[in-house]
Amino acid sequence: MIKKYIQNSIQELNNVTWPTRKQAIRITTIVFIFMIIAAAVLGVIDEIFAIAYKALLSI
């Protein structure tokens, strides 16, 4: 059973269409840029909520 599973897994991996080096670099760059933008947006939102929270506590 395990032997058949491993054979099937290897067979499926041989059917995978792997990206070229250029495609992999481009996709990785896009993901990295998106992560930076998302982190910046979440940081700004967090700061806004922190300011609002402090304002509510000072009332």
PDB file of N, CA and C in Angstrom:
ATOM      1  N   MET A   1       0.828  -1.199   0.000  1.00  0.00           N
ATOM      2  CA  MET A   1       0.000   0.000   0.000  1.00  0.00           C
ATOM      3  C   MET A   1       0.871   1.260   0.000  1.00  0.00           C
ATOM      4  N   ILE A   2       1.861   1.309   0.880  1.00  0.00           N
ATOM      5  CA  ILE A   2       2.739   2.473   0.936  1.00  0.00           C
ATOM      6  C   ILE A   2       3.580   2.545  -0.334  1.00  0.00           C
ATOM      7  N   LYS A   3       4.024   1.380  -0.821  1.00  0.00           N
ATOM      8  CA  LYS A   3       4.828   1.349  -2.045  1.00  0.00           C
ATOM      9  C   LYS A   3       4.033   1.908  -3.218  1.00  0.00           C
ATOM     10  N   LYS A   4       2.773   1.535  -3.322  1.00  0.00           N
ATOM     11  CA  LYS A   4       1.916   2.017  -4.413  1.00  0.00           C
ATOM     12  C   LYS A   4       1.692   3.527  -4.279  1.00  0.00           C
ATOM     13  N   TYR A   5       1.516   3.994  -3.049  1.00  0.00           N
ATOM     14  CA  TYR A   5       1.327   5.425  -2.808  1.00  0.00           C
ATOM     15  C   TYR A   5       2.561   6.210  -3.288  1.00  0.00           C
ATOM     16  N   ILE A   6       3.745   5.724  -2.937  1.00  0.00           N
ATOM     17  CA  ILE A   6       4.975   6.404  -3.344  1.00  0.00           C
ATOM     18  C   ILE A   6       5.123   6.379  -4.856  1.00  0.00           C
ATOM     19  N   GLN A   7       4.819   5.249  -5.484  1.00  0.00           N
ATOM     20  CA  GLN A   7       4.896   5.154  -6.943  1.00  0.00           C
ATOM     21  C   GLN A   7       3.928   6.140  -7.604  1.00  0.00           C
ATOM     22  N   ASN A   8       2.711   6.207  -7.092  1.00  0.00           N
ATOM     23  CA  ASN A   8       1.725   7.143  -7.642  1.00  0.00           C
ATOM     24  C   ASN A   8       2.156   8.595  -7.436  1.00  0.00           C
ATOM     25  N   SER A   9       2.748   8.873  -6.295  1.00  0.00           N
ATOM     26  CA  SER A   9       3.217  10.236  -6.015  1.00  0.00           C
ATOM     27  C   SER A   9       4.320  10.632  -6.990  1.00  0.00           C
ATOM     28  N   ILE A  10       5.263   9.735  -7.225  1.00  0.00           N
ATOM     29  CA  ILE A  10       6.352  10.013  -8.162  1.00  0.00           C
ATOM     30  C   ILE A  10       5.795  10.198  -9.564  1.00  0.00           C
ATOM     31  N   GLN A  11       4.838   9.365  -9.934  1.00  0.00           N
ATOM     32  CA  GLN A  11       4.226   9.474 -11.257  1.00  0.00           C
ATOM     33  C   GLN A  11       3.533  10.828 -11.420  1.00  0.00           C
ATOM     34  N   GLU A  12       2.825  11.275 -10.393  1.00  0.00           N
ATOM     35  CA  GLU A  12       2.157  12.577 -10.459  1.00  0.00           C
ATOM     36  C   GLU A  12       3.167  13.722 -10.528  1.00  0.00           C
ATOM     37  N   LEU A  13       4.265  13.605  -9.791  1.00  0.00           N
ATOM     38  CA  LEU A  13       5.296  14.649  -9.837  1.00  0.00           C
ATOM     39  C   LEU A  13       5.922  14.752 -11.225  1.00  0.00           C
ATOM     40  N   ASN A  14       5.988  13.647 -11.931  1.00  0.00           N
ATOM     41  CA  ASN A  14       6.517  13.679 -13.300  1.00  0.00           C
ATOM     42  C   ASN A  14       5.545  14.360 -14.257  1.00  0.00           C
ATOM     43  N   ASN A  15       4.264  14.429 -13.899  1.00  0.00           N
ATOM     44  CA  ASN A  15       3.264  15.073 -14.753  1.00  0.00           C
ATOM     45  C   ASN A  15       3.151  16.570 -14.517  1.00  0.00           C
ATOM     46  N   VAL A  16       3.784  17.052 -13.451  1.00  0.00           N
ATOM     47  CA  VAL A  16       3.692  18.467 -13.099  1.00  0.00           C
ATOM     48  C   VAL A  16       4.464  19.303 -14.116  1.00  0.00           C
ATOM     49  N   THR A  17       3.879  20.417 -14.513  1.00  0.00           N
ATOM     50  CA  THR A  17       4.575  21.362 -15.382  1.00  0.00           C
ATOM     51  C   THR A  17       5.238  22.411 -14.487  1.00  0.00           C
ATOM     52  N   TRP A  18       6.545  22.277 -14.313  1.00  0.00           N
ATOM     53  CA  TRP A  18       7.274  23.168 -13.434  1.00  0.00           C
ATOM     54  C   TRP A  18       7.560  24.492 -14.146  1.00  0.00           C
ATOM     55  N   PRO A  19       7.531  25.611 -13.413  1.00  0.00           N
ATOM     56  CA  PRO A  19       7.819  26.902 -14.059  1.00  0.00           C
ATOM     57  C   PRO A  19       9.300  27.012 -14.421  1.00  0.00           C
ATOM     58  N   THR A  20       9.570  27.836 -15.409  1.00  0.00           N
ATOM     59  CA  THR A  20      10.967  28.093 -15.764  1.00  0.00           C
ATOM     60  C   THR A  20      11.581  28.994 -14.681  1.00  0.00           C
ATOM     61  N   ARG A  21      12.879  29.127 -14.730  1.00  0.00           N
ATOM     62  CA  ARG A  21      13.567  29.971 -13.744  1.00  0.00           C
ATOM     63  C   ARG A  21      13.059  31.412 -13.830  1.00  0.00           C
ATOM     64  N   LYS A  22      12.879  31.907 -15.048  1.00  0.00           N
ATOM     65  CA  LYS A  22      12.406  33.278 -15.251  1.00  0.00           C
ATOM     66  C   LYS A  22      11.004  33.459 -14.668  1.00  0.00           C
ATOM     67  N   GLN A  23      10.122  32.490 -14.908  1.00  0.00           N
ATOM     68  CA  GLN A  23       8.757  32.563 -14.374  1.00  0.00           C
ATOM     69  C   GLN A  23       8.772  32.515 -12.844  1.00  0.00           C
ATOM     70  N   ALA A  24       9.607  31.646 -12.285  1.00  0.00           N
ATOM     71  CA  ALA A  24       9.681  31.520 -10.828  1.00  0.00           C
ATOM     72  C   ALA A  24      10.165  32.817 -10.186  1.00  0.00           C
ATOM     73  N   ILE A  25      11.164  33.441 -10.794  1.00  0.00           N
ATOM     74  CA  ILE A  25      11.675  34.715 -10.258  1.00  0.00           C
ATOM     75  C   ILE A  25      10.612  35.797 -10.353  1.00  0.00           C
ATOM     76  N   ARG A  26       9.902  35.849 -11.490  1.00  0.00           N
ATOM     77  CA  ARG A  26       8.859  36.867 -11.671  1.00  0.00           C
ATOM     78  C   ARG A  26       7.724  36.680 -10.654  1.00  0.00           C
ATOM     79  N   ILE A  27       7.281  35.454 -10.478  1.00  0.00           N
ATOM     80  CA  ILE A  27       6.190  35.178  -9.536  1.00  0.00           C
ATOM     81  C   ILE A  27       6.622  35.482  -8.103  1.00  0.00           C
ATOM     82  N   THR A  28       7.855  35.098  -7.763  1.00  0.00           N
ATOM     83  CA  THR A  28       8.373  35.370  -6.424  1.00  0.00           C
ATOM     84  C   THR A  28       8.460  36.874  -6.169  1.00  0.00           C
ATOM     85  N   THR A  29       8.880  37.629  -7.175  1.00  0.00           N
ATOM     86  CA  THR A  29       8.966  39.087  -7.043  1.00  0.00           C
ATOM     87  C   THR A  29       7.581  39.689  -6.825  1.00  0.00           C
ATOM     88  N   ILE A  30       6.604  39.213  -7.578  1.00  0.00           N
ATOM     89  CA  ILE A  30       5.234  39.715  -7.422  1.00  0.00           C
ATOM     90  C   ILE A  30       4.717  39.437  -6.015  1.00  0.00           C
ATOM     91  N   VAL A  31       4.947  38.226  -5.523  1.00  0.00           N
ATOM     92  CA  VAL A  31       4.493  37.863  -4.178  1.00  0.00           C
ATOM     93  C   VAL A  31       5.196  38.720  -3.125  1.00  0.00           C
ATOM     94  N   PHE A  32       6.499  38.934  -3.296  1.00  0.00           N
ATOM     95  CA  PHE A  32       7.264  39.735  -2.346  1.00  0.00           C
ATOM     96  C   PHE A  32       6.752  41.174  -2.298  1.00  0.00           C
ATOM     97  N   ILE A  33       6.496  41.758  -3.466  1.00  0.00           N
ATOM     98  CA  ILE A  33       5.968  43.122  -3.523  1.00  0.00           C
ATOM     99  C   ILE A  33       4.591  43.186  -2.875  1.00  0.00           C
ATOM    100  N   PHE A  34       3.742  42.193  -3.154  1.00  0.00           N
ATOM    101  CA  PHE A  34       2.412  42.166  -2.544  1.00  0.00           C
ATOM    102  C   PHE A  34       2.511  42.066  -1.027  1.00  0.00           C
ATOM    103  N   MET A  35       3.454  41.261  -0.528  1.00  0.00           N
ATOM    104  CA  MET A  35       3.630  41.132   0.923  1.00  0.00           C
ATOM    105  C   MET A  35       4.040  42.457   1.550  1.00  0.00           C
ATOM    106  N   ILE A  36       4.924  43.195   0.885  1.00  0.00           N
ATOM    107  CA  ILE A  36       5.358  44.488   1.417  1.00  0.00           C
ATOM    108  C   ILE A  36       4.183  45.465   1.450  1.00  0.00           C
ATOM    109  N   ILE A  37       3.408  45.503   0.377  1.00  0.00           N
ATOM    110  CA  ILE A  37       2.248  46.402   0.323  1.00  0.00           C
ATOM    111  C   ILE A  37       1.229  46.018   1.386  1.00  0.00           C
ATOM    112  N   ALA A  38       0.941  44.721   1.517  1.00  0.00           N
ATOM    113  CA  ALA A  38      -0.029  44.263   2.509  1.00  0.00           C
ATOM    114  C   ALA A  38       0.446  44.588   3.926  1.00  0.00           C
ATOM    115  N   ALA A  39       1.734  44.407   4.200  1.00  0.00           N
ATOM    116  CA  ALA A  39       2.277  44.729   5.524  1.00  0.00           C
ATOM    117  C   ALA A  39       2.152  46.220   5.815  1.00  0.00           C
ATOM    118  N   ALA A  40       2.411  47.046   4.811  1.00  0.00           N
ATOM    119  CA  ALA A  40       2.300  48.496   5.001  1.00  0.00           C
ATOM    120  C   ALA A  40       0.857  48.895   5.275  1.00  0.00           C
ATOM    121  N   VAL A  41      -0.071  48.349   4.495  1.00  0.00           N
ATOM    122  CA  VAL A  41      -1.492  48.676   4.686  1.00  0.00           C
ATOM    123  C   VAL A  41      -1.961  48.217   6.068  1.00  0.00           C
ATOM    124  N   LEU A  42      -1.596  47.003   6.458  1.00  0.00           N
ATOM    125  CA  LEU A  42      -2.008  46.509   7.780  1.00  0.00           C
ATOM    126  C   LEU A  42      -1.362  47.315   8.902  1.00  0.00           C
ATOM    127  N   GLY A  43      -0.126  47.751   8.688  1.00  0.00           N
ATOM    128  CA  GLY A  43       0.536  48.588   9.688  1.00  0.00           C
ATOM    129  C   GLY A  43      -0.172  49.913   9.874  1.00  0.00           C
ATOM    130  N   VAL A  44      -0.593  50.529   8.768  1.00  0.00           N
ATOM    131  CA  VAL A  44      -1.326  51.800   8.842  1.00  0.00           C
ATOM    132  C   VAL A  44      -2.672  51.590   9.534  1.00  0.00           C
ATOM    133  N   ILE A  45      -3.373  50.533   9.180  1.00  0.00           N
ATOM    134  CA  ILE A  45      -4.665  50.246   9.813  1.00  0.00           C
ATOM    135  C   ILE A  45      -4.475  50.002  11.310  1.00  0.00           C
ATOM    136  N   ASP A  46      -3.426  49.265  11.680  1.00  0.00           N
ATOM    137  CA  ASP A  46      -3.146  49.006  13.091  1.00  0.00           C
ATOM    138  C   ASP A  46      -2.863  50.306  13.834  1.00  0.00           C
ATOM    139  N   GLU A  47      -2.118  51.185  13.213  1.00  0.00           N
ATOM    140  CA  GLU A  47      -1.808  52.474  13.852  1.00  0.00           C
ATOM    141  C   GLU A  47      -3.067  53.308  14.026  1.00  0.00           C
ATOM    142  N   ILE A  48      -3.945  53.297  13.032  1.00  0.00           N
ATOM    143  CA  ILE A  48      -5.208  54.035  13.135  1.00  0.00           C
ATOM    144  C   ILE A  48      -6.049  53.493  14.291  1.00  0.00           C
ATOM    145  N   PHE A  49      -6.135  52.163  14.390  1.00  0.00           N
ATOM    146  CA  PHE A  49      -6.903  51.564  15.494  1.00  0.00           C
ATOM    147  C   PHE A  49      -6.266  51.879  16.850  1.00  0.00           C
ATOM    148  N   ALA A  50      -4.932  51.909  16.913  1.00  0.00           N
ATOM    149  CA  ALA A  50      -4.254  52.228  18.168  1.00  0.00           C
ATOM    150  C   ALA A  50      -4.559  53.663  18.590  1.00  0.00           C
ATOM    151  N   ILE A  51      -4.533  54.588  17.642  1.00  0.00           N
ATOM    152  CA  ILE A  51      -4.852  55.985  17.941  1.00  0.00           C
ATOM    153  C   ILE A  51      -6.310  56.112  18.393  1.00  0.00           C
ATOM    154  N   ALA A  52      -7.213  55.420  17.687  1.00  0.00           N
ATOM    155  CA  ALA A  52      -8.633  55.466  18.058  1.00  0.00           C
ATOM    156  C   ALA A  52      -8.846  54.869  19.439  1.00  0.00           C
ATOM    157  N   TYR A  53      -8.152  53.784  19.756  1.00  0.00           N
ATOM    158  CA  TYR A  53      -8.280  53.144  21.058  1.00  0.00           C
ATOM    159  C   TYR A  53      -7.801  54.068  22.172  1.00  0.00           C
ATOM    160  N   LYS A  54      -6.677  54.716  21.948  1.00  0.00           N
ATOM    161  CA  LYS A  54      -6.150  55.660  22.948  1.00  0.00           C
ATOM    162  C   LYS A  54      -7.118  56.830  23.134  1.00  0.00           C
ATOM    163  N   ALA A  55      -7.721  57.287  22.037  1.00  0.00           N
ATOM    164  CA  ALA A  55      -8.693  58.392  22.122  1.00  0.00           C
ATOM    165  C   ALA A  55      -9.916  57.968  22.921  1.00  0.00           C
ATOM    166  N   LEU A  56     -10.363  56.745  22.721  1.00  0.00           N
ATOM    167  CA  LEU A  56     -11.524  56.255  23.472  1.00  0.00           C
ATOM    168  C   LEU A  56     -11.211  56.111  24.951  1.00  0.00           C
ATOM    169  N   LEU A  57      -9.993  55.699  25.280  1.00  0.00           N
ATOM    170  CA  LEU A  57      -9.620  55.543  26.674  1.00  0.00           C
ATOM    171  C   LEU A  57      -9.466  56.879  27.382  1.00  0.00           C
ATOM    172  N   SER A  58      -9.128  57.928  26.657  1.00  0.00           N
ATOM    173  CA  SER A  58      -8.899  59.219  27.277  1.00  0.00           C
ATOM    174  C   SER A  58     -10.202  60.003  27.508  1.00  0.00           C
ATOM    175  N   ILE A  59     -11.310  59.484  27.005  1.00  0.00           N
ATOM    176  CA  ILE A  59     -12.589  60.176  27.183  1.00  0.00           C
ATOM    177  C   ILE A  59     -13.061  60.045  28.612  1.00  0.00           C
TER     178      ILE A  59
END
